[in-house]
PDB file of N, CA and C in Angstrom:
ATOM      1  N   MET A   1      17.632   6.015  23.853  1.00  0.00           N
ATOM      2  CA  MET A   1      16.966   5.254  22.858  1.00  0.00           C
ATOM      3  C   MET A   1      16.441   6.074  21.766  1.00  0.00           C
ATOM      4  N   TRP A   2      16.123   7.405  22.097  1.00  0.00           N
ATOM      5  CA  TRP A   2      15.553   8.259  20.995  1.00  0.00           C
ATOM      6  C   TRP A   2      16.633   8.340  19.992  1.00  0.00           C
ATOM      7  N   ALA A   3      17.903   8.532  20.294  1.00  0.00           N
ATOM      8  CA  ALA A   3      18.983   8.472  19.314  1.00  0.00           C
ATOM      9  C   ALA A   3      18.985   7.404  18.297  1.00  0.00           C
ATOM     10  N   LYS A   4      18.567   6.260  18.660  1.00  0.00           N
ATOM     11  CA  LYS A   4      18.605   5.278  17.689  1.00  0.00           C
ATOM     12  C   LYS A   4      17.470   5.330  16.761  1.00  0.00           C
ATOM     13  N   LEU A   5      16.243   5.991  17.106  1.00  0.00           N
ATOM     14  CA  LEU A   5      15.048   6.259  16.104  1.00  0.00           C
ATOM     15  C   LEU A   5      15.598   7.559  15.199  1.00  0.00           C
ATOM     16  N   GLU A   6      16.090   8.449  15.844  1.00  0.00           N
ATOM     17  CA  GLU A   6      16.565   9.590  15.043  1.00  0.00           C
ATOM     18  C   GLU A   6      17.526   9.203  14.113  1.00  0.00           C
ATOM     19  N   ASN A   7      18.545   8.314  14.437  1.00  0.00           N
ATOM     20  CA  ASN A   7      19.409   7.877  13.375  1.00  0.00           C
ATOM     21  C   ASN A   7      18.719   7.298  12.191  1.00  0.00           C
ATOM     22  N   VAL A   8      17.685   6.550  12.451  1.00  0.00           N
ATOM     23  CA  VAL A   8      16.989   5.879  11.337  1.00  0.00           C
ATOM     24  C   VAL A   8      16.445   7.013  10.365  1.00  0.00           C
ATOM     25  N   PHE A   9      15.693   8.088  10.892  1.00  0.00           N
ATOM     26  CA  PHE A   9      15.260   9.126  10.205  1.00  0.00           C
ATOM     27  C   PHE A   9      16.297   9.867   9.447  1.00  0.00           C
ATOM     28  N   GLU A  10      17.496  10.243  10.246  1.00  0.00           N
ATOM     29  CA  GLU A  10      18.483  10.936   9.423  1.00  0.00           C
ATOM     30  C   GLU A  10      19.240  10.207   8.276  1.00  0.00           C
ATOM     31  N   GLN A  11      19.152   8.850   8.315  1.00  0.00           N
ATOM     32  CA  GLN A  11      19.867   7.989   7.382  1.00  0.00           C
ATOM     33  C   GLN A  11      18.941   8.133   6.073  1.00  0.00           C
ATOM     34  N   ILE A  12      17.682   8.225   6.291  1.00  0.00           N
ATOM     35  CA  ILE A  12      16.718   8.297   5.308  1.00  0.00           C
ATOM     36  C   ILE A  12      16.789   9.920   4.641  1.00  0.00           C
ATOM     37  N   GLY A  13      16.793  10.762   5.464  1.00  0.00           N
ATOM     38  CA  GLY A  13      17.127  12.065   4.884  1.00  0.00           C
ATOM     39  C   GLY A  13      15.865  12.850   4.532  1.00  0.00           C
ATOM     40  N   LEU A  14      14.625  12.429   5.019  1.00  0.00           N
ATOM     41  CA  LEU A  14      13.663  13.184   4.964  1.00  0.00           C
ATOM     42  C   LEU A  14      12.965  13.900   6.140  1.00  0.00           C
ATOM     43  N   GLU A  15      12.289  14.888   6.015  1.00  0.00           N
ATOM     44  CA  GLU A  15      11.770  15.608   7.339  1.00  0.00           C
ATOM     45  C   GLU A  15      11.082  14.637   8.253  1.00  0.00           C
ATOM     46  N   TYR A  16      11.133  15.026   9.623  1.00  0.00           N
ATOM     47  CA  TYR A  16      10.408  14.084  10.587  1.00  0.00           C
ATOM     48  C   TYR A  16      10.199  14.876  11.621  1.00  0.00           C
ATOM     49  N   SER A  17       8.913  14.511  12.381  1.00  0.00           N
ATOM     50  CA  SER A  17       8.608  15.326  13.542  1.00  0.00           C
ATOM     51  C   SER A  17       7.356  14.619  14.283  1.00  0.00           C
ATOM     52  N   ARG A  18       7.098  15.043  15.452  1.00  0.00           N
ATOM     53  CA  ARG A  18       6.108  14.308  16.348  1.00  0.00           C
ATOM     54  C   ARG A  18       4.665  14.106  15.488  1.00  0.00           C
ATOM     55  N   GLN A  19       4.046  13.129  15.770  1.00  0.00           N
ATOM     56  CA  GLN A  19       2.601  12.961  15.189  1.00  0.00           C
ATOM     57  C   GLN A  19       1.943  14.423  15.399  1.00  0.00           C
ATOM     58  N   GLY A  20       1.162  15.090  14.884  1.00  0.00           N
ATOM     59  CA  GLY A  20       0.338  16.183  15.069  1.00  0.00           C
ATOM     60  C   GLY A  20       1.005  17.483  15.136  1.00  0.00           C
ATOM     61  N   SER A  21       2.201  17.335  14.618  1.00  0.00           N
ATOM     62  CA  SER A  21       2.956  18.761  14.661  1.00  0.00           C
ATOM     63  C   SER A  21       2.632  19.653  13.667  1.00  0.00           C
ATOM     64  N   TYR A  22       1.824  19.075  12.595  1.00  0.00           N
ATOM     65  CA  TYR A  22       1.562  19.970  11.221  1.00  0.00           C
ATOM     66  C   TYR A  22      -0.054  20.623  11.702  1.00  0.00           C
ATOM     67  N   SER A  23      -0.215  21.862  11.446  1.00  0.00           N
ATOM     68  CA  SER A  23      -1.587  22.336  11.433  1.00  0.00           C
ATOM     69  C   SER A  23      -2.405  22.356  10.107  1.00  0.00           C
ATOM     70  N   ASP A  24      -3.436  22.180   9.908  1.00  0.00           N
ATOM     71  CA  ASP A  24      -4.157  22.414   8.673  1.00  0.00           C
ATOM     72  C   ASP A  24      -3.561  23.452   7.635  1.00  0.00           C
ATOM     73  N   ALA A  25      -3.030  24.479   8.205  1.00  0.00           N
ATOM     74  CA  ALA A  25      -2.508  25.588   7.418  1.00  0.00           C
ATOM     75  C   ALA A  25      -0.939  25.508   7.270  1.00  0.00           C
ATOM     76  N   SER A  26      -0.408  24.491   7.641  1.00  0.00           N
ATOM     77  CA  SER A  26       1.184  24.223   7.517  1.00  0.00           C
ATOM     78  C   SER A  26       1.156  23.839   5.945  1.00  0.00           C
ATOM     79  N   GLU A  27       2.533  24.239   5.628  1.00  0.00           N
ATOM     80  CA  GLU A  27       2.924  23.814   4.314  1.00  0.00           C
ATOM     81  C   GLU A  27       3.573  22.409   4.795  1.00  0.00           C
ATOM     82  N   TYR A  28       3.136  21.425   4.039  1.00  0.00           N
ATOM     83  CA  TYR A  28       3.605  20.003   4.083  1.00  0.00           C
ATOM     84  C   TYR A  28       4.918  19.808   3.268  1.00  0.00           C
ATOM     85  N   PRO A  29       5.938  19.028   3.729  1.00  0.00           N
ATOM     86  CA  PRO A  29       6.929  18.619   2.745  1.00  0.00           C
ATOM     87  C   PRO A  29       6.345  17.914   1.814  1.00  0.00           C
ATOM     88  N   GLU A  30       7.126  17.686   0.619  1.00  0.00           N
ATOM     89  CA  GLU A  30       6.597  16.639  -0.210  1.00  0.00           C
ATOM     90  C   GLU A  30       6.464  15.221   0.213  1.00  0.00           C
ATOM     91  N   SER A  31       7.504  14.674   1.019  1.00  0.00           N
ATOM     92  CA  SER A  31       7.327  13.524   1.920  1.00  0.00           C
ATOM     93  C   SER A  31       7.892  13.644   3.130  1.00  0.00           C
ATOM     94  N   PHE A  32       7.403  12.889   4.190  1.00  0.00           N
ATOM     95  CA  PHE A  32       7.986  13.100   5.605  1.00  0.00           C
ATOM     96  C   PHE A  32       7.388  12.011   6.471  1.00  0.00           C
ATOM     97  N   PHE A  33       8.051  11.813   7.719  1.00  0.00           N
ATOM     98  CA  PHE A  33       7.714  10.937   8.524  1.00  0.00           C
ATOM     99  C   PHE A  33       7.356  11.613   9.951  1.00  0.00           C
ATOM    100  N   THR A  34       6.405  11.015  10.579  1.00  0.00           N
ATOM    101  CA  THR A  34       5.856  11.644  11.893  1.00  0.00           C
ATOM    102  C   THR A  34       6.003  10.243  12.731  1.00  0.00           C
ATOM    103  N   PHE A  35       6.016  10.598  14.079  1.00  0.00           N
ATOM    104  CA  PHE A  35       6.050   9.385  15.172  1.00  0.00           C
ATOM    105  C   PHE A  35       5.593   9.788  16.453  1.00  0.00           C
ATOM    106  N   TRP A  36       4.955   8.748  17.112  1.00  0.00           N
ATOM    107  CA  TRP A  36       4.358   8.912  18.405  1.00  0.00           C
ATOM    108  C   TRP A  36       4.767   7.648  19.161  1.00  0.00           C
ATOM    109  N   ASN A  37       5.381   7.972  20.567  1.00  0.00           N
ATOM    110  CA  ASN A  37       5.857   6.944  21.510  1.00  0.00           C
ATOM    111  C   ASN A  37       4.335   6.763  22.249  1.00  0.00           C
ATOM    112  N   PHE A  38       3.753   5.701  22.061  1.00  0.00           N
ATOM    113  CA  PHE A  38       2.409   5.307  22.630  1.00  0.00           C
ATOM    114  C   PHE A  38       2.441   4.464  23.811  1.00  0.00           C
ATOM    115  N   ASP A  39       3.662   3.935  24.150  1.00  0.00           N
ATOM    116  CA  ASP A  39       3.866   3.219  25.516  1.00  0.00           C
ATOM    117  C   ASP A  39       5.350   3.104  25.854  1.00  0.00           C
ATOM    118  N   SER A  40       5.666   2.925  27.074  1.00  0.00           N
ATOM    119  CA  SER A  40       6.947   2.713  27.435  1.00  0.00           C
ATOM    120  C   SER A  40       7.149   2.030  28.717  1.00  0.00           C
ATOM    121  N   PRO A  41       6.256   0.827  29.060  1.00  0.00           N
ATOM    122  CA  PRO A  41       6.366   0.102  30.425  1.00  0.00           C
ATOM    123  C   PRO A  41       7.882  -0.587  30.794  1.00  0.00           C
ATOM    124  N   GLU A  42       7.979  -0.594  31.956  1.00  0.00           N
ATOM    125  CA  GLU A  42       9.141  -1.417  32.413  1.00  0.00           C
ATOM    126  C   GLU A  42       8.824  -2.578  32.815  1.00  0.00           C
ATOM    127  N   GLU A  43       9.661  -3.627  32.626  1.00  0.00           N
ATOM    128  CA  GLU A  43       9.531  -5.026  32.822  1.00  0.00           C
ATOM    129  C   GLU A  43      10.805  -5.790  33.401  1.00  0.00           C
ATOM    130  N   GLY A  44      10.544  -7.043  33.495  1.00  0.00           N
ATOM    131  CA  GLY A  44      11.891  -7.956  33.871  1.00  0.00           C
ATOM    132  C   GLY A  44      12.070  -7.513  35.409  1.00  0.00           C
ATOM    133  N   PHE A  45      11.059  -7.425  36.273  1.00  0.00           N
ATOM    134  CA  PHE A  45      11.315  -6.844  37.672  1.00  0.00           C
ATOM    135  C   PHE A  45      12.005  -7.955  38.534  1.00  0.00           C
ATOM    136  N   TYR A  46      12.948  -7.769  39.354  1.00  0.00           N
ATOM    137  CA  TYR A  46      13.297  -8.570  40.444  1.00  0.00           C
ATOM    138  C   TYR A  46      13.828  -7.628  41.645  1.00  0.00           C
ATOM    139  N   ASP A  47      13.300  -8.201  42.779  1.00  0.00           N
ATOM    140  CA  ASP A  47      13.456  -7.345  44.134  1.00  0.00           C
ATOM    141  C   ASP A  47      12.902  -5.942  43.818  1.00  0.00           C
ATOM    142  N   ASN A  48      11.935  -6.014  42.909  1.00  0.00           N
ATOM    143  CA  ASN A  48      11.051  -4.593  42.921  1.00  0.00           C
ATOM    144  C   ASN A  48      11.922  -3.606  42.097  1.00  0.00           C
ATOM    145  N   GLU A  49      12.942  -4.055  41.261  1.00  0.00           N
ATOM    146  CA  GLU A  49      13.653  -3.121  40.340  1.00  0.00           C
ATOM    147  C   GLU A  49      13.294  -3.799  38.889  1.00  0.00           C
ATOM    148  N   ALA A  50      13.012  -2.744  38.085  1.00  0.00           N
ATOM    149  CA  ALA A  50      12.876  -3.072  36.703  1.00  0.00           C
ATOM    150  C   ALA A  50      14.320  -3.374  36.116  1.00  0.00           C
ATOM    151  N   LYS A  51      14.222  -4.213  35.074  1.00  0.00           N
ATOM    152  CA  LYS A  51      15.457  -4.603  34.286  1.00  0.00           C
ATOM    153  C   LYS A  51      15.339  -3.822  32.846  1.00  0.00           C
ATOM    154  N   ARG A  52      14.319  -3.489  32.406  1.00  0.00           N
ATOM    155  CA  ARG A  52      14.129  -2.828  31.112  1.00  0.00           C
ATOM    156  C   ARG A  52      12.934  -1.973  30.848  1.00  0.00           C
ATOM    157  N   THR A  53      13.102  -1.276  29.784  1.00  0.00           N
ATOM    158  CA  THR A  53      12.028  -0.499  29.381  1.00  0.00           C
ATOM    159  C   THR A  53      11.734  -1.091  27.972  1.00  0.00           C
ATOM    160  N   VAL A  54      10.507  -1.300  27.784  1.00  0.00           N
ATOM    161  CA  VAL A  54       9.993  -1.533  26.541  1.00  0.00           C
ATOM    162  C   VAL A  54       9.318  -0.434  25.751  1.00  0.00           C
ATOM    163  N   TRP A  55      10.011   0.138  24.831  1.00  0.00           N
ATOM    164  CA  TRP A  55       9.664   1.628  24.101  1.00  0.00           C
ATOM    165  C   TRP A  55       8.754   1.004  22.637  1.00  0.00           C
ATOM    166  N   PHE A  56       7.404   1.405  22.785  1.00  0.00           N
ATOM    167  CA  PHE A  56       6.720   1.374  21.657  1.00  0.00           C
ATOM    168  C   PHE A  56       6.523   2.517  20.870  1.00  0.00           C
ATOM    169  N   TRP A  57       6.675   2.517  19.442  1.00  0.00           N
ATOM    170  CA  TRP A  57       6.340   3.555  18.834  1.00  0.00           C
ATOM    171  C   TRP A  57       5.482   3.380  17.700  1.00  0.00           C
ATOM    172  N   GLN A  58       4.655   4.184  17.177  1.00  0.00           N
ATOM    173  CA  GLN A  58       4.094   4.386  15.819  1.00  0.00           C
ATOM    174  C   GLN A  58       5.004   5.170  15.015  1.00  0.00           C
ATOM    175  N   VAL A  59       5.101   4.509  13.838  1.00  0.00           N
ATOM    176  CA  VAL A  59       5.892   5.636  12.767  1.00  0.00           C
ATOM    177  C   VAL A  59       4.937   5.766  11.433  1.00  0.00           C
ATOM    178  N   TYR A  60       4.794   6.884  11.004  1.00  0.00           N
ATOM    179  CA  TYR A  60       3.903   7.184  10.128  1.00  0.00           C
ATOM    180  C   TYR A  60       4.830   7.775   8.687  1.00  0.00           C
ATOM    181  N   TYR A  61       4.434   7.478   7.487  1.00  0.00           N
ATOM    182  CA  TYR A  61       5.046   8.072   6.522  1.00  0.00           C
ATOM    183  C   TYR A  61       3.858   8.558   5.557  1.00  0.00           C
ATOM    184  N   TYR A  62       4.130   9.893   5.287  1.00  0.00           N
ATOM    185  CA  TYR A  62       3.223  10.528   4.188  1.00  0.00           C
ATOM    186  C   TYR A  62       3.821  11.086   3.190  1.00  0.00           C
ATOM    187  N   THR A  63       3.239  11.032   1.791  1.00  0.00           N
ATOM    188  CA  THR A  63       3.764  11.596   0.937  1.00  0.00           C
ATOM    189  C   THR A  63       2.804  11.998  -0.367  1.00  0.00           C
ATOM    190  N   ARG A  64       3.339  12.998  -1.200  1.00  0.00           N
ATOM    191  CA  ARG A  64       2.418  13.287  -2.244  1.00  0.00           C
ATOM    192  C   ARG A  64       2.711  12.511  -3.480  1.00  0.00           C
ATOM    193  N   ASN A  65       3.790  11.471  -3.213  1.00  0.00           N
ATOM    194  CA  ASN A  65       4.350  10.642  -4.399  1.00  0.00           C
ATOM    195  C   ASN A  65       3.996   9.229  -3.999  1.00  0.00           C
ATOM    196  N   PRO A  66       2.771   8.661  -4.376  1.00  0.00           N
ATOM    197  CA  PRO A  66       2.297   7.497  -4.011  1.00  0.00           C
ATOM    198  C   PRO A  66       3.151   6.378  -4.552  1.00  0.00           C
ATOM    199  N   ALA A  67       4.131   6.456  -5.617  1.00  0.00           N
ATOM    200  CA  ALA A  67       4.894   5.500  -6.069  1.00  0.00           C
ATOM    201  C   ALA A  67       6.120   5.261  -4.981  1.00  0.00           C
ATOM    202  N   THR A  68       6.288   5.951  -4.044  1.00  0.00           N
ATOM    203  CA  THR A  68       7.194   5.556  -2.773  1.00  0.00           C
ATOM    204  C   THR A  68       6.587   5.182  -1.549  1.00  0.00           C
ATOM    205  N   LEU A  69       5.247   5.070  -1.401  1.00  0.00           N
ATOM    206  CA  LEU A  69       4.474   4.718  -0.344  1.00  0.00           C
ATOM    207  C   LEU A  69       5.222   3.730   0.347  1.00  0.00           C
ATOM    208  N   TYR A  70       5.280   2.497  -0.427  1.00  0.00           N
ATOM    209  CA  TYR A  70       5.620   1.163   0.181  1.00  0.00           C
ATOM    210  C   TYR A  70       7.366   1.134   0.028  1.00  0.00           C
ATOM    211  N   SER A  71       7.684   1.566  -0.991  1.00  0.00           N
ATOM    212  CA  SER A  71       9.311   1.351  -0.651  1.00  0.00           C
ATOM    213  C   SER A  71       9.903   2.161   0.228  1.00  0.00           C
ATOM    214  N   MET A  72       9.377   3.356   0.652  1.00  0.00           N
ATOM    215  CA  MET A  72      10.048   4.198   1.581  1.00  0.00           C
ATOM    216  C   MET A  72       9.776   3.662   2.872  1.00  0.00           C
ATOM    217  N   MET A  73       8.639   3.034   3.213  1.00  0.00           N
ATOM    218  CA  MET A  73       8.331   2.307   4.338  1.00  0.00           C
ATOM    219  C   MET A  73       9.141   0.985   4.604  1.00  0.00           C
ATOM    220  N   ASP A  74       9.383   0.400   3.451  1.00  0.00           N
ATOM    221  CA  ASP A  74      10.434  -0.725   3.419  1.00  0.00           C
ATOM    222  C   ASP A  74      11.745  -0.347   3.916  1.00  0.00           C
ATOM    223  N   GLU A  75      12.162   0.922   3.322  1.00  0.00           N
ATOM    224  CA  GLU A  75      13.615   1.174   3.570  1.00  0.00           C
ATOM    225  C   GLU A  75      13.580   1.649   5.190  1.00  0.00           C
ATOM    226  N   PHE A  76      12.527   2.338   5.748  1.00  0.00           N
ATOM    227  CA  PHE A  76      12.532   2.517   7.245  1.00  0.00           C
ATOM    228  C   PHE A  76      12.713   1.258   7.960  1.00  0.00           C
ATOM    229  N   ILE A  77      11.762   0.151   7.575  1.00  0.00           N
ATOM    230  CA  ILE A  77      11.949  -1.107   8.336  1.00  0.00           C
ATOM    231  C   ILE A  77      13.195  -1.746   8.331  1.00  0.00           C
ATOM    232  N   ARG A  78      13.967  -1.527   7.137  1.00  0.00           N
ATOM    233  CA  ARG A  78      15.329  -2.263   7.078  1.00  0.00           C
ATOM    234  C   ARG A  78      16.350  -1.626   7.906  1.00  0.00           C
ATOM    235  N   LEU A  79      16.214  -0.266   8.131  1.00  0.00           N
ATOM    236  CA  LEU A  79      17.098   0.790   8.863  1.00  0.00           C
ATOM    237  C   LEU A  79      16.807   0.591  10.161  1.00  0.00           C
ATOM    238  N   ALA A  80      15.385   0.440  10.479  1.00  0.00           N
ATOM    239  CA  ALA A  80      15.029   0.421  11.990  1.00  0.00           C
ATOM    240  C   ALA A  80      15.630  -1.083  12.528  1.00  0.00           C
ATOM    241  N   LYS A  81      15.431  -2.146  11.812  1.00  0.00           N
ATOM    242  CA  LYS A  81      16.100  -3.404  12.212  1.00  0.00           C
ATOM    243  C   LYS A  81      17.538  -3.500  12.357  1.00  0.00           C
ATOM    244  N   ALA A  82      18.178  -2.828  11.581  1.00  0.00           N
ATOM    245  CA  ALA A  82      19.538  -2.516  11.658  1.00  0.00           C
ATOM    246  C   ALA A  82      19.919  -1.746  13.083  1.00  0.00           C
ATOM    247  N   GLU A  83      18.942  -0.963  13.659  1.00  0.00           N
ATOM    248  CA  GLU A  83      19.290  -0.250  14.980  1.00  0.00           C
ATOM    249  C   GLU A  83      18.918  -0.964  16.056  1.00  0.00           C
ATOM    250  N   GLY A  84      18.236  -2.302  15.660  1.00  0.00           N
ATOM    251  CA  GLY A  84      17.913  -3.120  17.028  1.00  0.00           C
ATOM    252  C   GLY A  84      16.530  -2.833  17.101  1.00  0.00           C
ATOM    253  N   PHE A  85      15.623  -2.276  16.320  1.00  0.00           N
ATOM    254  CA  PHE A  85      14.295  -2.242  16.745  1.00  0.00           C
ATOM    255  C   PHE A  85      13.422  -3.603  16.350  1.00  0.00           C
ATOM    256  N   ILE A  86      12.431  -3.999  17.020  1.00  0.00           N
ATOM    257  CA  ILE A  86      11.832  -5.143  16.708  1.00  0.00           C
ATOM    258  C   ILE A  86      10.618  -4.494  15.856  1.00  0.00           C
ATOM    259  N   VAL A  87      10.400  -5.165  14.484  1.00  0.00           N
ATOM    260  CA  VAL A  87       9.250  -4.615  13.607  1.00  0.00           C
ATOM    261  C   VAL A  87       8.512  -5.722  13.214  1.00  0.00           C
ATOM    262  N   GLU A  88       7.319  -5.897  13.531  1.00  0.00           N
ATOM    263  CA  GLU A  88       6.319  -6.915  13.357  1.00  0.00           C
ATOM    264  C   GLU A  88       5.399  -6.511  12.190  1.00  0.00           C
ATOM    265  N   GLY A  89       5.673  -7.202  11.109  1.00  0.00           N
ATOM    266  CA  GLY A  89       4.915  -6.670   9.786  1.00  0.00           C
ATOM    267  C   GLY A  89       5.482  -5.588   8.906  1.00  0.00           C
ATOM    268  N   ARG A  90       4.727  -5.303   7.980  1.00  0.00           N
ATOM    269  CA  ARG A  90       5.090  -4.417   6.904  1.00  0.00           C
ATOM    270  C   ARG A  90       4.407  -3.267   6.875  1.00  0.00           C
ATOM    271  N   GLY A  91       3.480  -2.948   8.070  1.00  0.00           N
ATOM    272  CA  GLY A  91       2.851  -1.653   8.088  1.00  0.00           C
ATOM    273  C   GLY A  91       1.232  -1.741   7.453  1.00  0.00           C
ATOM    274  N   THR A  92       0.446  -0.797   7.629  1.00  0.00           N
ATOM    275  CA  THR A  92      -0.642  -0.566   7.153  1.00  0.00           C
ATOM    276  C   THR A  92      -1.007   0.786   6.561  1.00  0.00           C
ATOM    277  N   ASP A  93      -1.798   0.827   5.630  1.00  0.00           N
ATOM    278  CA  ASP A  93      -2.418   2.185   4.803  1.00  0.00           C
ATOM    279  C   ASP A  93      -3.016   2.911   6.035  1.00  0.00           C
ATOM    280  N   ILE A  94      -2.853   4.209   5.944  1.00  0.00           N
ATOM    281  CA  ILE A  94      -3.646   4.927   6.979  1.00  0.00           C
ATOM    282  C   ILE A  94      -4.452   6.209   6.145  1.00  0.00           C
ATOM    283  N   GLN A  95      -5.397   6.654   6.889  1.00  0.00           N
ATOM    284  CA  GLN A  95      -5.910   7.946   6.229  1.00  0.00           C
ATOM    285  C   GLN A  95      -5.291   9.209   6.715  1.00  0.00           C
ATOM    286  N   SER A  96      -5.250  10.164   5.883  1.00  0.00           N
ATOM    287  CA  SER A  96      -4.643  11.452   5.952  1.00  0.00           C
ATOM    288  C   SER A  96      -5.644  12.539   6.035  1.00  0.00           C
ATOM    289  N   ASP A  97      -5.327  13.593   6.807  1.00  0.00           N
ATOM    290  CA  ASP A  97      -6.040  14.656   6.903  1.00  0.00           C
ATOM    291  C   ASP A  97      -6.200  15.391   5.529  1.00  0.00           C
ATOM    292  N   ARG A  98      -5.183  15.113   4.660  1.00  0.00           N
ATOM    293  CA  ARG A  98      -5.233  15.592   3.032  1.00  0.00           C
ATOM    294  C   ARG A  98      -5.400  14.587   2.121  1.00  0.00           C
ATOM    295  N   PRO A  99      -6.190  14.571   1.386  1.00  0.00           N
ATOM    296  CA  PRO A  99      -6.295  13.520   0.398  1.00  0.00           C
ATOM    297  C   PRO A  99      -5.240  13.400  -0.469  1.00  0.00           C
ATOM    298  N   ASP A 100      -4.329  14.479  -0.719  1.00  0.00           N
ATOM    299  CA  ASP A 100      -3.319  14.433  -1.607  1.00  0.00           C
ATOM    300  C   ASP A 100      -1.972  13.794  -0.815  1.00  0.00           C
ATOM    301  N   TYR A 101      -2.112  13.210   0.307  1.00  0.00           N
ATOM    302  CA  TYR A 101      -1.040  12.801   1.162  1.00  0.00           C
ATOM    303  C   TYR A 101      -1.366  11.439   1.624  1.00  0.00           C
ATOM    304  N   PRO A 102      -1.324  10.400   0.757  1.00  0.00           N
ATOM    305  CA  PRO A 102      -1.599   8.999   1.191  1.00  0.00           C
ATOM    306  C   PRO A 102      -0.371   8.707   2.557  1.00  0.00           C
ATOM    307  N   GLY A 103      -0.738   7.768   3.277  1.00  0.00           N
ATOM    308  CA  GLY A 103       0.065   7.264   4.189  1.00  0.00           C
ATOM    309  C   GLY A 103       0.361   5.826   4.660  1.00  0.00           C
ATOM    310  N   ARG A 104       1.333   5.349   5.306  1.00  0.00           N
ATOM    311  CA  ARG A 104       1.517   4.351   5.988  1.00  0.00           C
ATOM    312  C   ARG A 104       1.836   4.376   7.195  1.00  0.00           C
ATOM    313  N   MET A 105       1.653   3.433   8.185  1.00  0.00           N
ATOM    314  CA  MET A 105       2.122   3.332   9.545  1.00  0.00           C
ATOM    315  C   MET A 105       2.468   2.070   9.977  1.00  0.00           C
ATOM    316  N   ILE A 106       3.643   1.911  10.759  1.00  0.00           N
ATOM    317  CA  ILE A 106       4.046   0.739  11.321  1.00  0.00           C
ATOM    318  C   ILE A 106       4.236   0.848  12.787  1.00  0.00           C
ATOM    319  N   ARG A 107       4.018  -0.124  13.500  1.00  0.00           N
ATOM    320  CA  ARG A 107       4.487  -0.191  14.929  1.00  0.00           C
ATOM    321  C   ARG A 107       5.912  -0.860  15.094  1.00  0.00           C
ATOM    322  N   ILE A 108       6.569  -0.389  15.876  1.00  0.00           N
ATOM    323  CA  ILE A 108       7.947  -0.763  16.252  1.00  0.00           C
ATOM    324  C   ILE A 108       7.960  -0.746  17.756  1.00  0.00           C
ATOM    325  N   LYS A 109       8.950  -1.537  18.305  1.00  0.00           N
ATOM    326  CA  LYS A 109       9.396  -1.525  19.611  1.00  0.00           C
ATOM    327  C   LYS A 109      10.970  -1.757  19.908  1.00  0.00           C
ATOM    328  N   TYR A 110      11.474  -1.443  20.812  1.00  0.00           N
ATOM    329  CA  TYR A 110      12.754  -1.445  21.167  1.00  0.00           C
ATOM    330  C   TYR A 110      12.870  -1.719  22.645  1.00  0.00           C
ATOM    331  N   LEU A 111      13.818  -2.703  22.888  1.00  0.00           N
ATOM    332  CA  LEU A 111      14.031  -3.017  24.489  1.00  0.00           C
ATOM    333  C   LEU A 111      15.145  -2.454  24.883  1.00  0.00           C
ATOM    334  N   GLU A 112      15.181  -1.498  25.841  1.00  0.00           N
ATOM    335  CA  GLU A 112      16.174  -0.898  26.458  1.00  0.00           C
ATOM    336  C   GLU A 112      16.649  -1.417  27.738  1.00  0.00           C
ATOM    337  N   GLU A 113      17.630  -2.392  27.780  1.00  0.00           N
ATOM    338  CA  GLU A 113      18.158  -2.994  28.862  1.00  0.00           C
ATOM    339  C   GLU A 113      18.942  -2.132  29.989  1.00  0.00           C
ATOM    340  N   TYR A 114      18.660  -2.171  31.083  1.00  0.00           N
ATOM    341  CA  TYR A 114      19.367  -1.586  32.087  1.00  0.00           C
ATOM    342  C   TYR A 114      20.642  -2.168  32.506  1.00  0.00           C
ATOM    343  N   LEU A 115      21.650  -1.486  32.789  1.00  0.00           N
ATOM    344  CA  LEU A 115      22.901  -2.034  33.032  1.00  0.00           C
ATOM    345  C   LEU A 115      23.010  -2.137  34.754  1.00  0.00           C
TER     346      LEU A 115
END
């Protein structure tokens, strides 16, 4: 499943890392994505065996170029849907630790069916 999310980031071509990877002293890239897997429950049980995992992710985009704030998230959404992710909505503005890096966040999910 991770390979599908990583493929979206690779297609966009910007740096990406787990949420919280940058310290206050870090040099931030001009624009970048971070992500966080906030839940991954199993479901679809039959005879006490799960049939799938539902992967929930929060994806964040930060940039020093506010002109790309919405367009880059729209590009992420387009590519995520092409990889089979379920995307509800267009995202939301988020606060950043640095005032010169506005951000957006979106929640996505992926249904990993067991064979």
